[in-house]
Amino acid sequence: MLPKILDSFYRGLTAEEAGRVHEYNFDHPDAFDTEQLLECAEKLRCGQCVQVPIYDFKKHRRSSESFRQVNASDVIILEGILVFHDARVRNLMNMKIFVDTDADVRLARRIRRDTVERGRDIDSVLEQYAKFVKPAFDDFVLPSKKYADVIIPRGGDNHVAIDLIVQHIRTKLGQHDLCKVYPNVFVIQSTFQVNLSYLLDLMYFPFLAHS
């Protein structure tokens, strides 16, 4: 599995925006270069490697000299709180997961991240949270929850939900590998009706299980 983080696709600020950086809303969908994200995602889907920009959160701009190379993979994880906002991005996803975490936990994580990793003080983090982060969550993030295929309550502490998702991905990868080995094989999608029919057949023809 290969993580690809939405934060890598922040737009570089103009000189005017950088001069008023404390008034800039980094939690609005317009803060991201969605077109470049789509371009990279399409290339990865086609099996091509891509150069993902590296964003400097202290200088509020992209690095002009270095990129992170991301190679194609059977599983691409696109992570970010606004990944469901744009329909074009949503349509690229085979599975959409919304991690539902308590607001106090989200705030505590943001304070720890911004003070430790981005060199900010607590007062500025709290000011940004009240002015931009919380309104953006209510306006953009929470409404996008309806697009999720799976909603995980309690976040990373929900081990049962995580195990089910991992097993689902492994099953899909197994089907994909089977089709690569046997190109003429068509894998029937697993449904309750198909599984029930198979079980009924086994009741009358138990030798099917060993054929």
N, C-alpha and C. Protein backbone atom coordinates (compact mmCIF):
# COMPACT_ATOMS: atom_id res chain seq x y z
N MET A 1 0.84 -1.19 0.00
CA MET A 1 0.00 0.00 0.00
C MET A 1 0.88 1.24 0.00
N LEU A 2 0.44 2.24 -0.72
CA LEU A 2 1.26 3.42 -0.91
C LEU A 2 0.47 4.68 -0.57
N PRO A 3 0.81 5.39 0.51
CA PRO A 3 0.06 6.59 0.86
C PRO A 3 0.41 7.77 -0.03
N LYS A 4 -0.61 8.53 -0.40
CA LYS A 4 -0.40 9.77 -1.15
C LYS A 4 -1.26 10.83 -0.47
N ILE A 5 -0.63 11.83 0.12
CA ILE A 5 -1.32 12.74 1.02
C ILE A 5 -1.77 13.99 0.28
N LEU A 6 -3.02 14.40 0.52
CA LEU A 6 -3.58 15.57 -0.14
C LEU A 6 -2.80 16.84 0.17
N ASP A 7 -2.20 16.92 1.36
CA ASP A 7 -1.45 18.12 1.76
C ASP A 7 -0.30 18.42 0.81
N SER A 8 0.17 17.43 0.07
CA SER A 8 1.26 17.66 -0.89
C SER A 8 0.83 18.59 -2.02
N PHE A 9 -0.48 18.73 -2.21
CA PHE A 9 -0.99 19.48 -3.36
C PHE A 9 -1.55 20.84 -2.98
N TYR A 10 -1.08 21.39 -1.87
CA TYR A 10 -1.40 22.79 -1.57
C TYR A 10 -0.81 23.69 -2.66
N ARG A 11 -1.55 24.71 -3.04
CA ARG A 11 -1.02 25.70 -3.97
C ARG A 11 0.05 26.54 -3.27
N GLY A 12 1.07 26.93 -4.01
CA GLY A 12 2.03 27.87 -3.47
C GLY A 12 1.38 29.25 -3.35
N LEU A 13 1.63 29.95 -2.28
CA LEU A 13 1.02 31.26 -2.07
C LEU A 13 1.68 32.32 -2.95
N THR A 14 0.88 33.26 -3.40
CA THR A 14 1.44 34.42 -4.10
C THR A 14 2.11 35.33 -3.07
N ALA A 15 2.86 36.31 -3.55
CA ALA A 15 3.54 37.23 -2.64
C ALA A 15 2.53 37.97 -1.77
N GLU A 16 1.39 38.33 -2.37
CA GLU A 16 0.36 39.03 -1.60
C GLU A 16 -0.25 38.13 -0.54
N GLU A 17 -0.53 36.88 -0.91
CA GLU A 17 -1.11 35.94 0.05
C GLU A 17 -0.12 35.62 1.17
N ALA A 18 1.16 35.48 0.81
CA ALA A 18 2.17 35.19 1.82
C ALA A 18 2.31 36.34 2.81
N GLY A 19 2.08 37.57 2.34
CA GLY A 19 2.17 38.72 3.22
C GLY A 19 1.02 38.78 4.22
N ARG A 20 -0.06 38.08 3.91
CA ARG A 20 -1.22 38.03 4.81
C ARG A 20 -1.53 36.58 5.17
N VAL A 21 -0.48 35.82 5.45
CA VAL A 21 -0.63 34.38 5.61
C VAL A 21 -1.58 34.01 6.75
N HIS A 22 -1.64 34.84 7.79
CA HIS A 22 -2.51 34.53 8.92
C HIS A 22 -3.99 34.73 8.58
N GLU A 23 -4.25 35.36 7.44
CA GLU A 23 -5.63 35.54 7.00
C GLU A 23 -5.99 34.55 5.88
N TYR A 24 -5.03 33.71 5.51
CA TYR A 24 -5.27 32.77 4.40
C TYR A 24 -5.92 31.50 4.93
N ASN A 25 -6.95 31.04 4.23
CA ASN A 25 -7.69 29.86 4.67
C ASN A 25 -7.14 28.60 4.01
N PHE A 26 -6.28 27.88 4.73
CA PHE A 26 -5.70 26.64 4.21
C PHE A 26 -6.68 25.48 4.26
N ASP A 27 -7.84 25.68 4.87
CA ASP A 27 -8.82 24.60 5.00
C ASP A 27 -9.97 24.74 4.01
N HIS A 28 -9.81 25.62 3.04
CA HIS A 28 -10.82 25.77 1.98
C HIS A 28 -10.38 24.93 0.77
N PRO A 29 -11.32 24.32 0.05
CA PRO A 29 -10.95 23.52 -1.12
C PRO A 29 -10.12 24.27 -2.15
N ASP A 30 -10.29 25.59 -2.25
CA ASP A 30 -9.53 26.37 -3.23
C ASP A 30 -8.05 26.46 -2.89
N ALA A 31 -7.66 26.06 -1.68
CA ALA A 31 -6.25 26.11 -1.29
C ALA A 31 -5.43 25.01 -1.97
N PHE A 32 -6.12 24.06 -2.62
CA PHE A 32 -5.43 22.91 -3.20
C PHE A 32 -5.39 23.01 -4.73
N ASP A 33 -4.34 22.45 -5.30
CA ASP A 33 -4.19 22.36 -6.75
C ASP A 33 -4.83 21.04 -7.19
N THR A 34 -6.14 21.06 -7.33
CA THR A 34 -6.88 19.83 -7.64
C THR A 34 -6.53 19.30 -9.02
N GLU A 35 -6.25 20.19 -9.96
CA GLU A 35 -5.92 19.74 -11.31
C GLU A 35 -4.65 18.90 -11.32
N GLN A 36 -3.64 19.31 -10.57
CA GLN A 36 -2.41 18.52 -10.51
C GLN A 36 -2.64 17.20 -9.79
N LEU A 37 -3.47 17.24 -8.76
CA LEU A 37 -3.82 16.00 -8.06
C LEU A 37 -4.47 15.01 -9.01
N LEU A 38 -5.40 15.48 -9.82
CA LEU A 38 -6.08 14.61 -10.78
C LEU A 38 -5.10 14.06 -11.81
N GLU A 39 -4.19 14.90 -12.26
CA GLU A 39 -3.20 14.47 -13.24
C GLU A 39 -2.32 13.35 -12.67
N CYS A 40 -1.87 13.53 -11.43
CA CYS A 40 -1.03 12.50 -10.80
C CYS A 40 -1.82 11.21 -10.57
N ALA A 41 -3.07 11.34 -10.14
CA ALA A 41 -3.88 10.16 -9.87
C ALA A 41 -4.14 9.36 -11.14
N GLU A 42 -4.40 10.05 -12.24
CA GLU A 42 -4.64 9.36 -13.51
C GLU A 42 -3.40 8.61 -13.98
N LYS A 43 -2.24 9.22 -13.81
CA LYS A 43 -0.99 8.56 -14.22
C LYS A 43 -0.75 7.31 -13.38
N LEU A 44 -1.01 7.40 -12.08
CA LEU A 44 -0.82 6.24 -11.22
C LEU A 44 -1.78 5.12 -11.60
N ARG A 45 -3.00 5.47 -11.96
CA ARG A 45 -3.97 4.46 -12.38
C ARG A 45 -3.52 3.77 -13.67
N CYS A 46 -2.74 4.48 -14.47
CA CYS A 46 -2.24 3.91 -15.73
C CYS A 46 -0.89 3.21 -15.55
N GLY A 47 -0.44 3.10 -14.30
CA GLY A 47 0.80 2.38 -14.03
C GLY A 47 2.06 3.21 -14.18
N GLN A 48 1.92 4.54 -14.22
CA GLN A 48 3.08 5.41 -14.38
C GLN A 48 3.49 5.99 -13.03
N CYS A 49 4.79 6.23 -12.86
CA CYS A 49 5.25 6.90 -11.64
C CYS A 49 5.04 8.41 -11.80
N VAL A 50 4.93 9.11 -10.68
CA VAL A 50 4.69 10.55 -10.72
C VAL A 50 5.63 11.26 -9.76
N GLN A 51 5.82 12.55 -10.00
CA GLN A 51 6.60 13.40 -9.12
C GLN A 51 5.63 14.25 -8.30
N VAL A 52 5.53 13.96 -7.02
CA VAL A 52 4.60 14.67 -6.14
C VAL A 52 5.34 15.84 -5.49
N PRO A 53 4.74 17.03 -5.51
CA PRO A 53 5.41 18.19 -4.91
C PRO A 53 5.58 18.03 -3.40
N ILE A 54 6.57 18.71 -2.88
CA ILE A 54 6.81 18.74 -1.43
C ILE A 54 6.49 20.15 -0.94
N TYR A 55 5.53 20.25 -0.03
CA TYR A 55 5.09 21.56 0.46
C TYR A 55 5.77 21.88 1.78
N ASP A 56 6.32 23.07 1.87
CA ASP A 56 6.99 23.54 3.08
C ASP A 56 5.98 24.34 3.90
N PHE A 57 5.53 23.78 5.01
CA PHE A 57 4.49 24.42 5.81
C PHE A 57 5.02 25.59 6.64
N LYS A 58 6.32 25.70 6.75
CA LYS A 58 6.88 26.84 7.48
C LYS A 58 7.04 28.05 6.57
N LYS A 59 7.38 27.78 5.29
CA LYS A 59 7.54 28.87 4.32
C LYS A 59 6.29 29.08 3.48
N HIS A 60 5.33 28.16 3.60
CA HIS A 60 4.05 28.24 2.89
C HIS A 60 4.23 28.27 1.37
N ARG A 61 5.11 27.42 0.89
CA ARG A 61 5.27 27.29 -0.55
C ARG A 61 5.88 25.92 -0.86
N ARG A 62 5.77 25.55 -2.13
CA ARG A 62 6.33 24.28 -2.56
C ARG A 62 7.84 24.40 -2.74
N SER A 63 8.51 23.28 -2.53
CA SER A 63 9.94 23.24 -2.81
C SER A 63 10.13 23.24 -4.32
N SER A 64 10.97 24.13 -4.81
CA SER A 64 11.18 24.25 -6.25
C SER A 64 12.24 23.29 -6.77
N GLU A 65 12.96 22.64 -5.85
CA GLU A 65 14.09 21.80 -6.27
C GLU A 65 13.88 20.32 -6.00
N SER A 66 12.98 19.96 -5.12
CA SER A 66 12.83 18.55 -4.77
C SER A 66 11.37 18.10 -4.88
N PHE A 67 11.22 16.84 -5.27
CA PHE A 67 9.91 16.22 -5.37
C PHE A 67 10.00 14.83 -4.74
N ARG A 68 8.85 14.26 -4.49
CA ARG A 68 8.80 12.89 -3.98
C ARG A 68 8.27 12.00 -5.08
N GLN A 69 9.06 11.00 -5.47
CA GLN A 69 8.61 10.10 -6.52
C GLN A 69 7.67 9.05 -5.93
N VAL A 70 6.52 8.91 -6.55
CA VAL A 70 5.54 7.92 -6.13
C VAL A 70 5.35 6.94 -7.27
N ASN A 71 5.63 5.68 -7.02
CA ASN A 71 5.50 4.65 -8.04
C ASN A 71 4.10 4.06 -8.04
N ALA A 72 3.70 3.54 -9.18
CA ALA A 72 2.39 2.91 -9.29
C ALA A 72 2.31 1.70 -8.36
N SER A 73 1.12 1.42 -7.88
CA SER A 73 0.94 0.32 -6.94
C SER A 73 -0.47 -0.24 -7.11
N ASP A 74 -0.67 -1.47 -6.64
CA ASP A 74 -2.01 -2.06 -6.71
C ASP A 74 -2.99 -1.32 -5.82
N VAL A 75 -2.49 -0.73 -4.74
CA VAL A 75 -3.34 0.03 -3.83
C VAL A 75 -2.75 1.41 -3.64
N ILE A 76 -3.54 2.43 -3.91
CA ILE A 76 -3.14 3.82 -3.68
C ILE A 76 -4.07 4.41 -2.64
N ILE A 77 -3.50 4.93 -1.57
CA ILE A 77 -4.30 5.55 -0.51
C ILE A 77 -4.18 7.06 -0.64
N LEU A 78 -5.29 7.71 -0.91
CA LEU A 78 -5.34 9.17 -0.99
C LEU A 78 -5.99 9.68 0.28
N GLU A 79 -5.19 10.36 1.11
CA GLU A 79 -5.66 10.75 2.44
C GLU A 79 -5.75 12.26 2.56
N GLY A 80 -6.83 12.74 3.14
CA GLY A 80 -7.00 14.17 3.36
C GLY A 80 -8.44 14.47 3.73
N ILE A 81 -8.66 15.54 4.49
CA ILE A 81 -10.01 15.81 4.98
C ILE A 81 -10.94 16.33 3.90
N LEU A 82 -10.39 16.76 2.76
CA LEU A 82 -11.22 17.33 1.69
C LEU A 82 -11.22 16.48 0.42
N VAL A 83 -10.82 15.23 0.52
CA VAL A 83 -10.70 14.40 -0.69
C VAL A 83 -12.06 14.07 -1.31
N PHE A 84 -13.14 14.19 -0.54
CA PHE A 84 -14.47 13.89 -1.09
C PHE A 84 -15.16 15.12 -1.68
N HIS A 85 -14.53 16.28 -1.59
CA HIS A 85 -15.22 17.51 -1.99
C HIS A 85 -15.44 17.57 -3.50
N ASP A 86 -14.43 17.22 -4.28
CA ASP A 86 -14.51 17.32 -5.74
C ASP A 86 -14.99 15.99 -6.31
N ALA A 87 -16.06 16.04 -7.10
CA ALA A 87 -16.64 14.81 -7.65
C ALA A 87 -15.66 14.08 -8.56
N ARG A 88 -14.80 14.82 -9.25
CA ARG A 88 -13.83 14.18 -10.15
C ARG A 88 -12.84 13.33 -9.37
N VAL A 89 -12.47 13.79 -8.18
CA VAL A 89 -11.56 13.01 -7.34
C VAL A 89 -12.30 11.80 -6.76
N ARG A 90 -13.52 12.02 -6.32
CA ARG A 90 -14.32 10.90 -5.77
C ARG A 90 -14.48 9.79 -6.79
N ASN A 91 -14.68 10.17 -8.05
CA ASN A 91 -14.95 9.16 -9.08
C ASN A 91 -13.74 8.29 -9.38
N LEU A 92 -12.57 8.69 -8.93
CA LEU A 92 -11.37 7.88 -9.13
C LEU A 92 -11.23 6.78 -8.07
N MET A 93 -12.03 6.85 -7.03
CA MET A 93 -11.84 5.97 -5.88
C MET A 93 -12.69 4.71 -6.00
N ASN A 94 -12.08 3.58 -5.66
CA ASN A 94 -12.81 2.32 -5.58
C ASN A 94 -13.49 2.14 -4.23
N MET A 95 -12.92 2.73 -3.21
CA MET A 95 -13.51 2.68 -1.87
C MET A 95 -13.28 4.02 -1.19
N LYS A 96 -14.35 4.56 -0.61
CA LYS A 96 -14.26 5.86 0.07
C LYS A 96 -14.54 5.64 1.56
N ILE A 97 -13.58 6.01 2.39
CA ILE A 97 -13.66 5.77 3.83
C ILE A 97 -13.64 7.10 4.57
N PHE A 98 -14.59 7.30 5.46
CA PHE A 98 -14.64 8.50 6.30
C PHE A 98 -14.31 8.08 7.73
N VAL A 99 -13.23 8.63 8.27
CA VAL A 99 -12.82 8.32 9.64
C VAL A 99 -13.45 9.37 10.56
N ASP A 100 -14.40 8.94 11.37
CA ASP A 100 -15.17 9.84 12.23
C ASP A 100 -14.53 9.88 13.62
N THR A 101 -13.95 11.03 13.95
CA THR A 101 -13.22 11.17 15.21
C THR A 101 -13.81 12.30 16.03
N ASP A 102 -13.77 12.17 17.34
CA ASP A 102 -14.30 13.19 18.24
C ASP A 102 -13.60 14.53 18.01
N ALA A 103 -14.36 15.62 18.12
CA ALA A 103 -13.82 16.96 17.86
C ALA A 103 -12.65 17.30 18.78
N ASP A 104 -12.72 16.89 20.04
CA ASP A 104 -11.62 17.18 20.97
C ASP A 104 -10.34 16.46 20.55
N VAL A 105 -10.49 15.25 20.06
CA VAL A 105 -9.33 14.49 19.59
C VAL A 105 -8.72 15.16 18.36
N ARG A 106 -9.57 15.63 17.45
CA ARG A 106 -9.07 16.30 16.25
C ARG A 106 -8.30 17.56 16.61
N LEU A 107 -8.83 18.33 17.56
CA LEU A 107 -8.15 19.56 17.97
C LEU A 107 -6.81 19.25 18.64
N ALA A 108 -6.79 18.25 19.50
CA ALA A 108 -5.55 17.88 20.20
C ALA A 108 -4.48 17.44 19.19
N ARG A 109 -4.88 16.68 18.19
CA ARG A 109 -3.93 16.24 17.17
C ARG A 109 -3.39 17.41 16.37
N ARG A 110 -4.26 18.36 16.05
CA ARG A 110 -3.82 19.53 15.27
C ARG A 110 -2.84 20.37 16.07
N ILE A 111 -3.12 20.57 17.35
CA ILE A 111 -2.20 21.35 18.19
C ILE A 111 -0.83 20.68 18.25
N ARG A 112 -0.83 19.37 18.46
CA ARG A 112 0.44 18.64 18.54
C ARG A 112 1.19 18.71 17.21
N ARG A 113 0.48 18.51 16.10
CA ARG A 113 1.14 18.53 14.79
C ARG A 113 1.69 19.90 14.45
N ASP A 114 0.88 20.94 14.62
CA ASP A 114 1.29 22.28 14.19
C ASP A 114 2.39 22.86 15.07
N THR A 115 2.40 22.51 16.36
CA THR A 115 3.45 23.04 17.23
C THR A 115 4.75 22.26 17.07
N VAL A 116 4.66 20.94 16.92
CA VAL A 116 5.86 20.10 16.85
C VAL A 116 6.45 20.09 15.44
N GLU A 117 5.60 19.88 14.42
CA GLU A 117 6.10 19.69 13.06
C GLU A 117 6.20 20.99 12.27
N ARG A 118 5.38 21.98 12.61
CA ARG A 118 5.32 23.19 11.78
C ARG A 118 5.77 24.44 12.52
N GLY A 119 6.26 24.28 13.74
CA GLY A 119 6.89 25.38 14.46
C GLY A 119 5.97 26.52 14.83
N ARG A 120 4.70 26.25 15.08
CA ARG A 120 3.76 27.31 15.42
C ARG A 120 3.48 27.31 16.91
N ASP A 121 2.98 28.45 17.41
CA ASP A 121 2.63 28.51 18.83
C ASP A 121 1.16 28.17 19.01
N ILE A 122 0.80 27.79 20.24
CA ILE A 122 -0.56 27.30 20.50
C ILE A 122 -1.61 28.36 20.23
N ASP A 123 -1.33 29.62 20.57
CA ASP A 123 -2.32 30.68 20.37
C ASP A 123 -2.70 30.82 18.90
N SER A 124 -1.71 30.76 18.01
CA SER A 124 -2.01 30.90 16.58
C SER A 124 -2.77 29.69 16.06
N VAL A 125 -2.47 28.51 16.61
CA VAL A 125 -3.18 27.30 16.20
C VAL A 125 -4.65 27.39 16.60
N LEU A 126 -4.90 27.83 17.83
CA LEU A 126 -6.28 27.94 18.30
C LEU A 126 -7.05 29.02 17.54
N GLU A 127 -6.36 30.12 17.22
CA GLU A 127 -7.01 31.19 16.46
C GLU A 127 -7.40 30.69 15.07
N GLN A 128 -6.49 29.97 14.42
CA GLN A 128 -6.79 29.43 13.09
C GLN A 128 -7.92 28.41 13.16
N TYR A 129 -7.92 27.61 14.22
CA TYR A 129 -8.97 26.59 14.37
C TYR A 129 -10.34 27.24 14.45
N ALA A 130 -10.46 28.28 15.27
CA ALA A 130 -11.75 28.94 15.45
C ALA A 130 -12.18 29.71 14.20
N LYS A 131 -11.22 30.30 13.50
CA LYS A 131 -11.54 31.18 12.37
C LYS A 131 -11.74 30.41 11.07
N PHE A 132 -10.95 29.36 10.86
CA PHE A 132 -10.98 28.66 9.57
C PHE A 132 -11.32 27.17 9.67
N VAL A 133 -10.65 26.46 10.58
CA VAL A 133 -10.72 25.00 10.59
C VAL A 133 -12.12 24.50 10.93
N LYS A 134 -12.67 24.98 12.04
CA LYS A 134 -14.00 24.52 12.46
C LYS A 134 -15.08 24.90 11.44
N PRO A 135 -15.12 26.15 10.94
CA PRO A 135 -16.11 26.47 9.90
C PRO A 135 -15.95 25.63 8.63
N ALA A 136 -14.70 25.36 8.24
CA ALA A 136 -14.47 24.55 7.04
C ALA A 136 -14.95 23.12 7.25
N PHE A 137 -14.76 22.61 8.46
CA PHE A 137 -15.25 21.26 8.76
C PHE A 137 -16.77 21.21 8.61
N ASP A 138 -17.44 22.22 9.15
CA ASP A 138 -18.91 22.24 9.08
C ASP A 138 -19.41 22.46 7.65
N ASP A 139 -18.68 23.26 6.87
CA ASP A 139 -19.14 23.62 5.53
C ASP A 139 -18.77 22.60 4.46
N PHE A 140 -17.60 21.96 4.61
CA PHE A 140 -17.09 21.10 3.53
C PHE A 140 -16.87 19.65 3.93
N VAL A 141 -16.26 19.43 5.09
CA VAL A 141 -15.87 18.07 5.47
C VAL A 141 -17.07 17.24 5.90
N LEU A 142 -17.83 17.75 6.87
CA LEU A 142 -18.96 16.99 7.38
C LEU A 142 -20.00 16.68 6.29
N PRO A 143 -20.35 17.64 5.42
CA PRO A 143 -21.31 17.31 4.35
C PRO A 143 -20.81 16.23 3.39
N SER A 144 -19.48 16.11 3.25
CA SER A 144 -18.94 15.10 2.32
C SER A 144 -19.01 13.69 2.90
N LYS A 145 -19.37 13.58 4.16
CA LYS A 145 -19.47 12.27 4.81
C LYS A 145 -20.47 11.37 4.09
N LYS A 146 -21.47 11.98 3.46
CA LYS A 146 -22.51 11.20 2.78
C LYS A 146 -21.97 10.43 1.57
N TYR A 147 -20.80 10.82 1.07
CA TYR A 147 -20.23 10.14 -0.09
C TYR A 147 -19.42 8.90 0.30
N ALA A 148 -19.20 8.70 1.59
CA ALA A 148 -18.36 7.59 2.03
C ALA A 148 -19.06 6.25 1.85
N ASP A 149 -18.30 5.24 1.44
CA ASP A 149 -18.81 3.88 1.39
C ASP A 149 -18.76 3.23 2.77
N VAL A 150 -17.75 3.63 3.55
CA VAL A 150 -17.56 3.09 4.89
C VAL A 150 -17.27 4.24 5.84
N ILE A 151 -17.93 4.25 7.00
CA ILE A 151 -17.67 5.25 8.03
C ILE A 151 -17.11 4.52 9.26
N ILE A 152 -15.94 4.97 9.71
CA ILE A 152 -15.29 4.32 10.85
C ILE A 152 -15.43 5.21 12.08
N PRO A 153 -16.28 4.84 13.03
CA PRO A 153 -16.35 5.61 14.28
C PRO A 153 -15.11 5.35 15.13
N ARG A 154 -14.72 6.32 15.93
CA ARG A 154 -13.60 6.21 16.88
C ARG A 154 -12.25 6.13 16.20
N GLY A 155 -12.19 6.37 14.91
CA GLY A 155 -10.91 6.47 14.21
C GLY A 155 -10.06 5.22 14.31
N GLY A 156 -8.77 5.42 14.58
CA GLY A 156 -7.82 4.32 14.60
C GLY A 156 -8.01 3.35 15.74
N ASP A 157 -8.85 3.69 16.71
CA ASP A 157 -9.11 2.77 17.83
C ASP A 157 -10.11 1.68 17.45
N ASN A 158 -10.76 1.83 16.31
CA ASN A 158 -11.77 0.85 15.89
C ASN A 158 -11.09 -0.27 15.10
N HIS A 159 -10.50 -1.20 15.83
CA HIS A 159 -9.71 -2.26 15.20
C HIS A 159 -10.57 -3.23 14.39
N VAL A 160 -11.81 -3.42 14.81
CA VAL A 160 -12.69 -4.33 14.07
C VAL A 160 -12.95 -3.79 12.67
N ALA A 161 -13.29 -2.51 12.59
CA ALA A 161 -13.56 -1.90 11.28
C ALA A 161 -12.32 -1.92 10.40
N ILE A 162 -11.17 -1.63 10.97
CA ILE A 162 -9.93 -1.62 10.20
C ILE A 162 -9.61 -3.02 9.67
N ASP A 163 -9.80 -4.03 10.51
CA ASP A 163 -9.54 -5.41 10.07
C ASP A 163 -10.46 -5.80 8.92
N LEU A 164 -11.72 -5.38 8.98
CA LEU A 164 -12.67 -5.71 7.91
C LEU A 164 -12.25 -5.05 6.59
N ILE A 165 -11.80 -3.80 6.67
CA ILE A 165 -11.36 -3.10 5.47
C ILE A 165 -10.12 -3.75 4.88
N VAL A 166 -9.17 -4.10 5.74
CA VAL A 166 -7.95 -4.76 5.27
C VAL A 166 -8.28 -6.08 4.59
N GLN A 167 -9.20 -6.84 5.18
CA GLN A 167 -9.58 -8.12 4.58
C GLN A 167 -10.26 -7.91 3.23
N HIS A 168 -11.08 -6.87 3.13
CA HIS A 168 -11.75 -6.58 1.85
C HIS A 168 -10.72 -6.25 0.77
N ILE A 169 -9.73 -5.45 1.12
CA ILE A 169 -8.69 -5.08 0.15
C ILE A 169 -7.90 -6.32 -0.27
N ARG A 170 -7.57 -7.17 0.69
CA ARG A 170 -6.84 -8.40 0.35
C ARG A 170 -7.65 -9.28 -0.59
N THR A 171 -8.95 -9.35 -0.36
CA THR A 171 -9.81 -10.15 -1.24
C THR A 171 -9.79 -9.59 -2.66
N LYS A 172 -9.91 -8.27 -2.78
CA LYS A 172 -9.89 -7.63 -4.10
C LYS A 172 -8.55 -7.85 -4.79
N LEU A 173 -7.46 -7.76 -4.03
CA LEU A 173 -6.15 -7.99 -4.61
C LEU A 173 -6.00 -9.43 -5.08
N GLY A 174 -6.57 -10.36 -4.32
CA GLY A 174 -6.52 -11.76 -4.72
C GLY A 174 -7.26 -12.00 -6.02
N GLN A 175 -8.42 -11.36 -6.19
CA GLN A 175 -9.16 -11.47 -7.44
C GLN A 175 -8.37 -10.86 -8.59
N HIS A 176 -7.72 -9.73 -8.30
CA HIS A 176 -6.93 -9.05 -9.34
C HIS A 176 -5.76 -9.93 -9.79
N ASP A 177 -5.08 -10.56 -8.82
CA ASP A 177 -3.95 -11.44 -9.16
C ASP A 177 -4.41 -12.64 -9.97
N LEU A 178 -5.58 -13.18 -9.64
CA LEU A 178 -6.12 -14.33 -10.36
C LEU A 178 -6.38 -13.98 -11.82
N CYS A 179 -6.91 -12.78 -12.04
CA CYS A 179 -7.20 -12.35 -13.41
C CYS A 179 -5.91 -12.10 -14.20
N LYS A 180 -4.85 -11.69 -13.51
CA LYS A 180 -3.58 -11.46 -14.21
C LYS A 180 -2.96 -12.80 -14.63
N VAL A 181 -3.10 -13.82 -13.78
CA VAL A 181 -2.53 -15.13 -14.10
C VAL A 181 -3.36 -15.83 -15.18
N TYR A 182 -4.70 -15.71 -15.05
CA TYR A 182 -5.60 -16.35 -16.00
C TYR A 182 -6.45 -15.26 -16.68
N PRO A 183 -5.98 -14.68 -17.77
CA PRO A 183 -6.65 -13.53 -18.39
C PRO A 183 -8.07 -13.82 -18.86
N ASN A 184 -8.41 -15.10 -19.08
CA ASN A 184 -9.76 -15.44 -19.55
C ASN A 184 -10.74 -15.66 -18.40
N VAL A 185 -10.25 -15.56 -17.17
CA VAL A 185 -11.11 -15.78 -16.01
C VAL A 185 -11.92 -14.52 -15.73
N PHE A 186 -13.22 -14.71 -15.50
CA PHE A 186 -14.07 -13.60 -15.07
C PHE A 186 -14.50 -13.87 -13.64
N VAL A 187 -14.16 -12.94 -12.74
CA VAL A 187 -14.47 -13.12 -11.32
C VAL A 187 -15.84 -12.53 -11.02
N ILE A 188 -16.77 -13.39 -10.58
CA ILE A 188 -18.11 -12.92 -10.20
C ILE A 188 -18.01 -12.20 -8.88
N GLN A 189 -18.57 -10.99 -8.82
CA GLN A 189 -18.54 -10.24 -7.58
C GLN A 189 -19.32 -10.97 -6.50
N SER A 190 -18.74 -11.02 -5.30
CA SER A 190 -19.37 -11.72 -4.19
C SER A 190 -20.60 -10.97 -3.72
N THR A 191 -21.73 -11.66 -3.68
CA THR A 191 -22.97 -11.08 -3.16
C THR A 191 -23.63 -12.10 -2.26
N PHE A 192 -24.59 -11.66 -1.49
CA PHE A 192 -25.31 -12.57 -0.61
C PHE A 192 -26.02 -13.65 -1.42
N GLN A 193 -26.61 -13.26 -2.57
CA GLN A 193 -27.35 -14.21 -3.38
C GLN A 193 -26.43 -15.29 -3.94
N VAL A 194 -25.24 -14.86 -4.44
CA VAL A 194 -24.30 -15.83 -5.01
C VAL A 194 -23.82 -16.79 -3.94
N ASN A 195 -23.45 -16.28 -2.78
CA ASN A 195 -22.96 -17.14 -1.71
C ASN A 195 -24.05 -18.09 -1.22
N LEU A 196 -25.29 -17.59 -1.12
CA LEU A 196 -26.39 -18.44 -0.67
C LEU A 196 -26.65 -19.55 -1.67
N SER A 197 -26.61 -19.21 -2.97
CA SER A 197 -26.82 -20.21 -4.00
C SER A 197 -25.76 -21.30 -3.92
N TYR A 198 -24.52 -20.90 -3.68
CA TYR A 198 -23.42 -21.86 -3.59
C TYR A 198 -23.62 -22.79 -2.40
N LEU A 199 -24.07 -22.23 -1.27
CA LEU A 199 -24.30 -23.04 -0.08
C LEU A 199 -25.43 -24.04 -0.30
N LEU A 200 -26.49 -23.62 -1.00
CA LEU A 200 -27.59 -24.53 -1.29
C LEU A 200 -27.14 -25.66 -2.20
N ASP A 201 -26.27 -25.34 -3.17
CA ASP A 201 -25.74 -26.38 -4.04
C ASP A 201 -24.95 -27.41 -3.24
N LEU A 202 -24.19 -26.93 -2.26
CA LEU A 202 -23.38 -27.85 -1.47
C LEU A 202 -24.24 -28.79 -0.64
N MET A 203 -25.45 -28.33 -0.27
CA MET A 203 -26.34 -29.19 0.51
C MET A 203 -26.74 -30.43 -0.29
N TYR A 204 -26.84 -30.28 -1.62
CA TYR A 204 -27.28 -31.39 -2.46
C TYR A 204 -26.11 -32.04 -3.20
N PHE A 205 -25.05 -31.27 -3.43
CA PHE A 205 -23.91 -31.79 -4.18
C PHE A 205 -22.63 -31.48 -3.40
N PRO A 206 -22.40 -32.14 -2.28
CA PRO A 206 -21.25 -31.81 -1.44
C PRO A 206 -19.91 -32.00 -2.15
N PHE A 207 -19.87 -32.81 -3.21
CA PHE A 207 -18.60 -33.02 -3.90
C PHE A 207 -18.12 -31.76 -4.59
N LEU A 208 -19.01 -30.75 -4.78
CA LEU A 208 -18.59 -29.50 -5.41
C LEU A 208 -17.50 -28.82 -4.60
N ALA A 209 -17.52 -29.01 -3.30
CA ALA A 209 -16.54 -28.34 -2.45
C ALA A 209 -15.14 -28.86 -2.69
N HIS A 210 -15.03 -30.05 -3.29
CA HIS A 210 -13.72 -30.65 -3.48
C HIS A 210 -13.33 -30.72 -4.94
N SER A 211 -14.19 -30.22 -5.84
CA SER A 211 -13.89 -30.32 -7.27
C SER A 211 -12.96 -29.23 -7.71
